[in-house]
Amino acid sequence: MRILLFLILLGFVSCTNAIDTTKGELVAKVYGNYLYESDLQGLVIAGVSKQDSLMLVNSFIDNWVRKQLLIRQAEKNLTAAQTNFKQKLEDYRNSLLIYNYETQLISEKLDTLVTEKEIEAYYENNKQNFELRHNMVKVVYVILPIESGNKKVFRSLMSDKDNLDLDVLDSLAGNNAISYYNDTTSWIRFDDLLLQVPLQTYNQENFLNNNSFIEIDSAPYTYFVSISNFLTSEGVSPLDIEHDNIKNIILNKRKHNLIKETHQGLYEKALREKVIEIY
């Protein structure tokens, strides 16, 4: 039976019981629902073995049959009201129309240029909305093999955070370190630093207030950490952390205003043209 169905799909066996000849040969029937050869167009891919193609086709047909049976059972057990989707389909269609129109409107008319001045102004006027929830640090760290002979060099280089030469550090760490991080312009969570460096701290705020350079021997590695700046939780998150977030907030406000103004404009135009009648 399975082989016969496969041959039907390939067009080698004709079927005289097709209901709609424009759709090709009839493949399967469940109650009043029909599956045609054209419904499976593209299912069998060139180059795939006959055995794999047969499995794919049989699986598709089997799934179709089972789905039709389930639909039939659902229709028998649900009330007319439960199976009436006309209003839901109309609502869904209307939602899609509005969404696609508004998406096109935004694409064509939204001003996406947000200046640094606008971002800074928004930040200054809304600082209460940018509370830090984590301790943050600007940090440099280097991880060396514990037996490294270059500890003294790294200790001298990193212990003075105000005179840290990042170019020298990058060169030395690139040749000697197991791992290192030297981005002093970006804030990272102190918790993320703890995932990389085994710092012992029971109170993060106290630790940050009292330590700017740390050296730890924890076999098989030695860790050098230089903290150039820090912010404690519940303080105000700095602008460079919130920059992209603020830009998105401004753009979203513009989108909302553009859509709101368009809606109002359409309504006012309809009133002027007297195309609205409310009974």
Protein backbone atom coordinates (compact mmCIF):
# COMPACT_ATOMS: atom_id res chain seq x y z
CA MET A 1 0.00 0.00 0.00
CA ARG A 2 2.80 2.42 0.92
CA ILE A 3 4.72 1.68 -2.29
CA LEU A 4 1.55 2.19 -4.31
CA LEU A 5 1.02 5.63 -2.77
CA PHE A 6 4.58 6.57 -3.61
CA LEU A 7 4.10 5.53 -7.23
CA ILE A 8 0.93 7.59 -7.38
CA LEU A 9 2.90 10.63 -6.24
CA LEU A 10 5.46 10.10 -8.93
CA GLY A 11 2.71 9.93 -11.51
CA PHE A 12 3.27 6.38 -12.65
CA VAL A 13 -0.20 5.17 -11.64
CA SER A 14 -3.32 7.03 -12.72
CA CYS A 15 -6.33 7.43 -10.49
CA THR A 16 -9.80 7.62 -11.96
CA ASN A 17 -11.43 8.62 -8.67
CA ALA A 18 -10.01 12.16 -8.48
CA ILE A 19 -12.55 14.76 -7.36
CA ASP A 20 -10.72 17.76 -8.79
CA THR A 21 -8.62 16.80 -11.79
CA THR A 22 -6.96 20.21 -11.87
CA LYS A 23 -5.10 19.32 -8.66
CA GLY A 24 -3.56 16.16 -10.03
CA GLU A 25 -3.94 12.58 -8.87
CA LEU A 26 -5.90 11.78 -5.72
CA VAL A 27 -3.65 10.51 -2.95
CA ALA A 28 -5.87 10.08 0.11
CA LYS A 29 -9.41 10.65 1.32
CA VAL A 30 -10.77 11.08 4.86
CA TYR A 31 -14.54 11.51 4.92
CA GLY A 32 -15.13 14.42 2.54
CA ASN A 33 -11.56 15.75 2.56
CA TYR A 34 -9.10 14.94 -0.21
CA LEU A 35 -5.33 15.04 -0.51
CA TYR A 36 -3.98 15.51 -4.02
CA GLU A 37 -0.62 15.03 -5.62
CA SER A 38 -0.33 18.80 -6.10
CA ASP A 39 -0.69 19.29 -2.32
CA LEU A 40 2.63 17.49 -1.91
CA GLN A 41 4.48 19.36 -4.62
CA GLY A 42 8.09 19.95 -3.61
CA LEU A 43 8.01 17.37 -0.85
CA VAL A 44 10.20 14.92 -2.79
CA ILE A 45 13.55 16.62 -3.39
CA ALA A 46 15.79 15.72 -6.30
CA GLY A 47 18.79 13.65 -5.30
CA VAL A 48 17.12 12.04 -2.30
CA SER A 49 17.08 8.25 -2.41
CA LYS A 50 13.85 6.46 -3.31
CA GLN A 51 13.72 4.87 0.12
CA ASP A 52 14.07 8.20 1.95
CA SER A 53 11.54 9.82 -0.39
CA LEU A 54 9.09 7.01 0.29
CA MET A 55 9.48 7.50 4.06
CA LEU A 56 8.97 11.25 3.73
CA VAL A 57 5.85 10.91 1.59
CA ASN A 58 4.32 8.20 3.78
CA SER A 59 4.97 10.28 6.90
CA PHE A 60 3.30 13.32 5.36
CA ILE A 61 0.26 11.34 4.26
CA ASP A 62 -0.05 9.67 7.65
CA ASN A 63 0.12 13.03 9.45
CA TRP A 64 -2.50 14.50 7.09
CA VAL A 65 -4.88 11.58 7.70
CA ARG A 66 -4.49 11.83 11.47
CA LYS A 67 -5.08 15.59 11.37
CA GLN A 68 -8.28 15.18 9.35
CA LEU A 69 -9.56 12.60 11.83
CA LEU A 70 -8.83 14.92 14.73
CA ILE A 71 -10.56 17.84 13.00
CA ARG A 72 -13.58 15.64 12.32
CA GLN A 73 -13.75 14.58 15.95
CA ALA A 74 -13.42 18.19 17.13
CA GLU A 75 -16.24 19.29 14.86
CA LYS A 76 -18.50 16.55 16.25
CA ASN A 77 -17.83 17.47 19.87
CA LEU A 78 -17.87 21.26 19.73
CA THR A 79 -20.93 23.46 19.59
CA ALA A 80 -21.75 25.63 16.60
CA ALA A 81 -20.67 28.70 18.55
CA GLN A 82 -17.33 27.09 19.36
CA THR A 83 -16.64 26.30 15.71
CA ASN A 84 -17.69 29.70 14.33
CA PHE A 85 -14.43 31.51 13.70
CA LYS A 86 -15.77 34.10 11.27
CA GLN A 87 -15.50 37.01 13.70
CA LYS A 88 -12.12 35.87 15.03
CA LEU A 89 -10.74 35.55 11.49
CA GLU A 90 -12.08 38.99 10.61
CA ASP A 91 -10.53 40.49 13.75
CA TYR A 92 -7.23 38.77 13.00
CA ARG A 93 -7.25 40.02 9.41
CA ASN A 94 -7.96 43.57 10.55
CA SER A 95 -5.17 43.40 13.13
CA LEU A 96 -2.73 42.25 10.45
CA LEU A 97 -3.83 45.06 8.11
CA ILE A 98 -3.34 47.71 10.80
CA TYR A 99 0.00 46.22 11.90
CA ASN A 100 1.36 46.13 8.34
CA TYR A 101 0.16 49.68 7.65
CA GLU A 102 1.71 51.03 10.85
CA THR A 103 4.95 49.16 10.13
CA GLN A 104 5.12 50.73 6.68
CA LEU A 105 4.26 54.14 8.13
CA ILE A 106 7.10 53.89 10.66
CA SER A 107 9.52 52.71 7.97
CA GLU A 108 8.70 55.63 5.69
CA LYS A 109 8.16 58.53 8.10
CA LEU A 110 9.91 57.90 11.41
CA ASP A 111 12.88 60.14 12.14
CA THR A 112 15.48 57.67 13.42
CA LEU A 113 18.24 60.21 14.04
CA VAL A 114 18.72 60.59 17.79
CA THR A 115 21.41 63.10 18.75
CA GLU A 116 23.74 62.80 21.71
CA LYS A 117 22.25 66.03 23.04
CA GLU A 118 18.78 64.44 23.09
CA ILE A 119 20.11 61.34 24.85
CA GLU A 120 21.94 63.42 27.47
CA ALA A 121 18.89 65.61 28.07
CA TYR A 122 16.64 62.61 28.55
CA TYR A 123 19.14 61.08 30.96
CA GLU A 124 19.42 64.25 33.05
CA ASN A 125 15.64 64.66 33.23
CA ASN A 126 14.94 61.04 34.13
CA LYS A 127 17.78 59.95 36.41
CA GLN A 128 15.28 58.57 38.89
CA ASN A 129 14.46 55.88 36.32
CA PHE A 130 18.03 54.63 36.02
CA GLU A 131 18.75 53.07 39.37
CA LEU A 132 21.58 50.54 39.45
CA ARG A 133 20.62 47.05 40.55
CA HIS A 134 24.16 45.67 40.55
CA ASN A 135 27.60 46.83 41.63
CA MET A 136 29.53 47.84 38.53
CA VAL A 137 33.26 48.16 37.88
CA LYS A 138 35.72 49.35 35.28
CA VAL A 139 38.48 46.81 35.53
CA VAL A 140 41.57 45.25 34.03
CA TYR A 141 42.60 41.73 34.95
CA VAL A 142 45.27 39.27 33.89
CA ILE A 143 45.42 35.53 34.58
CA LEU A 144 48.90 33.96 34.54
CA PRO A 145 50.20 30.45 35.19
CA ILE A 146 51.10 30.38 38.88
CA GLU A 147 54.70 29.49 38.02
CA SER A 148 55.06 32.46 35.62
CA GLY A 149 58.29 34.40 35.92
CA ASN A 150 56.60 37.64 34.84
CA LYS A 151 54.60 38.35 37.99
CA LYS A 152 56.85 41.20 39.07
CA VAL A 153 56.40 42.95 35.73
CA PHE A 154 52.61 42.69 35.84
CA ARG A 155 52.53 43.72 39.50
CA SER A 156 54.52 46.85 38.75
CA LEU A 157 52.45 47.64 35.67
CA MET A 158 48.99 47.15 37.19
CA SER A 159 49.37 48.30 40.80
CA ASP A 160 49.18 51.98 39.82
CA LYS A 161 45.81 52.34 38.12
CA ASP A 162 46.41 56.02 37.28
CA ASN A 163 49.52 55.22 35.22
CA LEU A 164 48.47 51.93 33.66
CA ASP A 165 49.83 51.64 30.11
CA LEU A 166 47.25 49.55 28.27
CA ASP A 167 49.39 49.15 25.14
CA VAL A 168 52.22 47.63 27.16
CA LEU A 169 49.75 45.51 29.10
CA ASP A 170 48.15 44.23 25.90
CA SER A 171 51.51 43.25 24.47
CA LEU A 172 52.71 41.51 27.64
CA ALA A 173 49.42 39.77 28.35
CA GLY A 174 49.09 38.64 24.75
CA ASN A 175 52.39 36.79 25.05
CA ASN A 176 52.20 35.54 28.62
CA ALA A 177 48.65 35.40 29.99
CA ILE A 178 46.20 32.54 30.03
CA SER A 179 43.44 35.14 29.76
CA TYR A 180 43.09 38.88 30.23
CA TYR A 181 40.61 41.77 29.99
CA ASN A 182 41.71 45.35 29.36
CA ASP A 183 38.65 47.40 28.35
CA THR A 184 38.79 50.30 30.80
CA THR A 185 36.01 52.23 29.03
CA SER A 186 33.21 49.73 29.67
CA TRP A 187 31.32 48.99 32.86
CA ILE A 188 30.82 45.35 33.81
CA ARG A 189 28.97 43.76 36.70
CA PHE A 190 31.12 42.99 39.68
CA ASP A 191 29.35 39.62 39.80
CA ASP A 192 30.65 38.88 36.30
CA LEU A 193 34.17 39.68 37.44
CA LEU A 194 33.76 37.19 40.28
CA LEU A 195 33.02 34.49 37.71
CA GLN A 196 36.47 35.04 36.24
CA VAL A 197 38.53 35.88 39.32
CA PRO A 198 38.21 34.09 42.71
CA LEU A 199 37.93 37.21 44.85
CA GLN A 200 36.91 36.60 48.46
CA THR A 201 34.35 39.17 49.49
CA TYR A 202 31.41 39.06 51.89
CA ASN A 203 30.41 42.66 51.35
CA GLN A 204 30.96 43.91 47.82
CA GLU A 205 30.58 47.58 48.66
CA ASN A 206 33.21 47.42 51.43
CA PHE A 207 35.52 45.46 49.20
CA LEU A 208 35.26 47.99 46.37
CA ASN A 209 35.79 50.91 48.72
CA ASN A 210 39.00 49.39 50.07
CA ASN A 211 40.62 47.64 47.12
CA SER A 212 41.83 48.91 43.77
CA PHE A 213 44.63 46.40 43.09
CA ILE A 214 44.40 42.72 43.99
CA GLU A 215 46.84 39.87 43.49
CA ILE A 216 45.70 36.30 44.16
CA ASP A 217 47.58 33.02 43.99
CA SER A 218 45.08 30.22 43.52
CA ALA A 219 46.66 27.22 41.85
CA PRO A 220 47.10 26.72 39.02
CA TYR A 221 46.83 30.46 38.34
CA THR A 222 47.86 33.88 39.60
CA TYR A 223 45.33 36.69 39.18
CA PHE A 224 46.11 40.40 38.90
CA VAL A 225 43.14 42.80 39.09
CA SER A 226 43.15 46.58 38.76
CA ILE A 227 39.82 48.35 39.47
CA SER A 228 39.89 51.85 38.04
CA ASN A 229 36.33 52.85 38.99
CA PHE A 230 33.20 51.40 40.57
CA LEU A 231 29.53 52.14 41.22
CA THR A 232 27.48 50.58 43.96
CA SER A 233 23.95 49.27 43.56
CA GLU A 234 21.03 51.62 44.22
CA GLY A 235 23.09 54.50 42.87
CA VAL A 236 22.38 56.11 39.49
CA SER A 237 23.37 54.09 36.47
CA PRO A 238 25.87 56.09 34.36
CA LEU A 239 24.95 57.45 30.95
CA ASP A 240 27.36 55.20 29.05
CA ILE A 241 25.53 52.14 30.41
CA GLU A 242 22.09 53.56 29.60
CA HIS A 243 22.98 55.20 26.27
CA ASP A 244 21.48 52.59 23.92
CA ASN A 245 18.52 52.03 26.21
CA ILE A 246 17.70 55.74 26.18
CA LYS A 247 18.02 55.87 22.40
CA ASN A 248 15.48 53.05 22.11
CA ILE A 249 13.16 54.80 24.56
CA ILE A 250 13.25 57.99 22.48
CA LEU A 251 12.61 56.07 19.25
CA ASN A 252 9.71 54.16 20.80
CA LYS A 253 8.17 57.43 21.98
CA ARG A 254 8.48 58.81 18.46
CA LYS A 255 6.81 55.68 17.04
CA HIS A 256 3.97 55.99 19.52
CA ASN A 257 3.48 59.69 18.75
CA LEU A 258 3.65 59.11 14.97
CA ILE A 259 0.98 56.41 15.13
CA LYS A 260 -1.18 58.43 17.55
CA GLU A 261 -0.99 61.53 15.34
CA THR A 262 -1.80 59.47 12.24
CA HIS A 263 -4.83 57.94 13.93
CA GLN A 264 -6.08 61.35 15.05
CA GLY A 265 -5.45 62.84 11.62
CA LEU A 266 -7.48 60.12 9.93
CA TYR A 267 -10.32 60.65 12.41
CA GLU A 268 -10.37 64.43 11.96
CA LYS A 269 -10.26 64.06 8.16
CA ALA A 270 -13.21 61.66 8.28
CA LEU A 271 -15.15 64.15 10.40
CA ARG A 272 -14.48 66.96 7.93
CA GLU A 273 -15.55 64.78 5.02
CA LYS A 274 -18.61 63.63 6.99
CA VAL A 275 -18.02 59.95 6.27
CA ILE A 276 -18.73 58.97 9.89
CA GLU A 277 -22.32 58.31 10.88
CA ILE A 278 -23.13 57.13 14.40
CA TYR A 279 -26.70 56.03 15.03
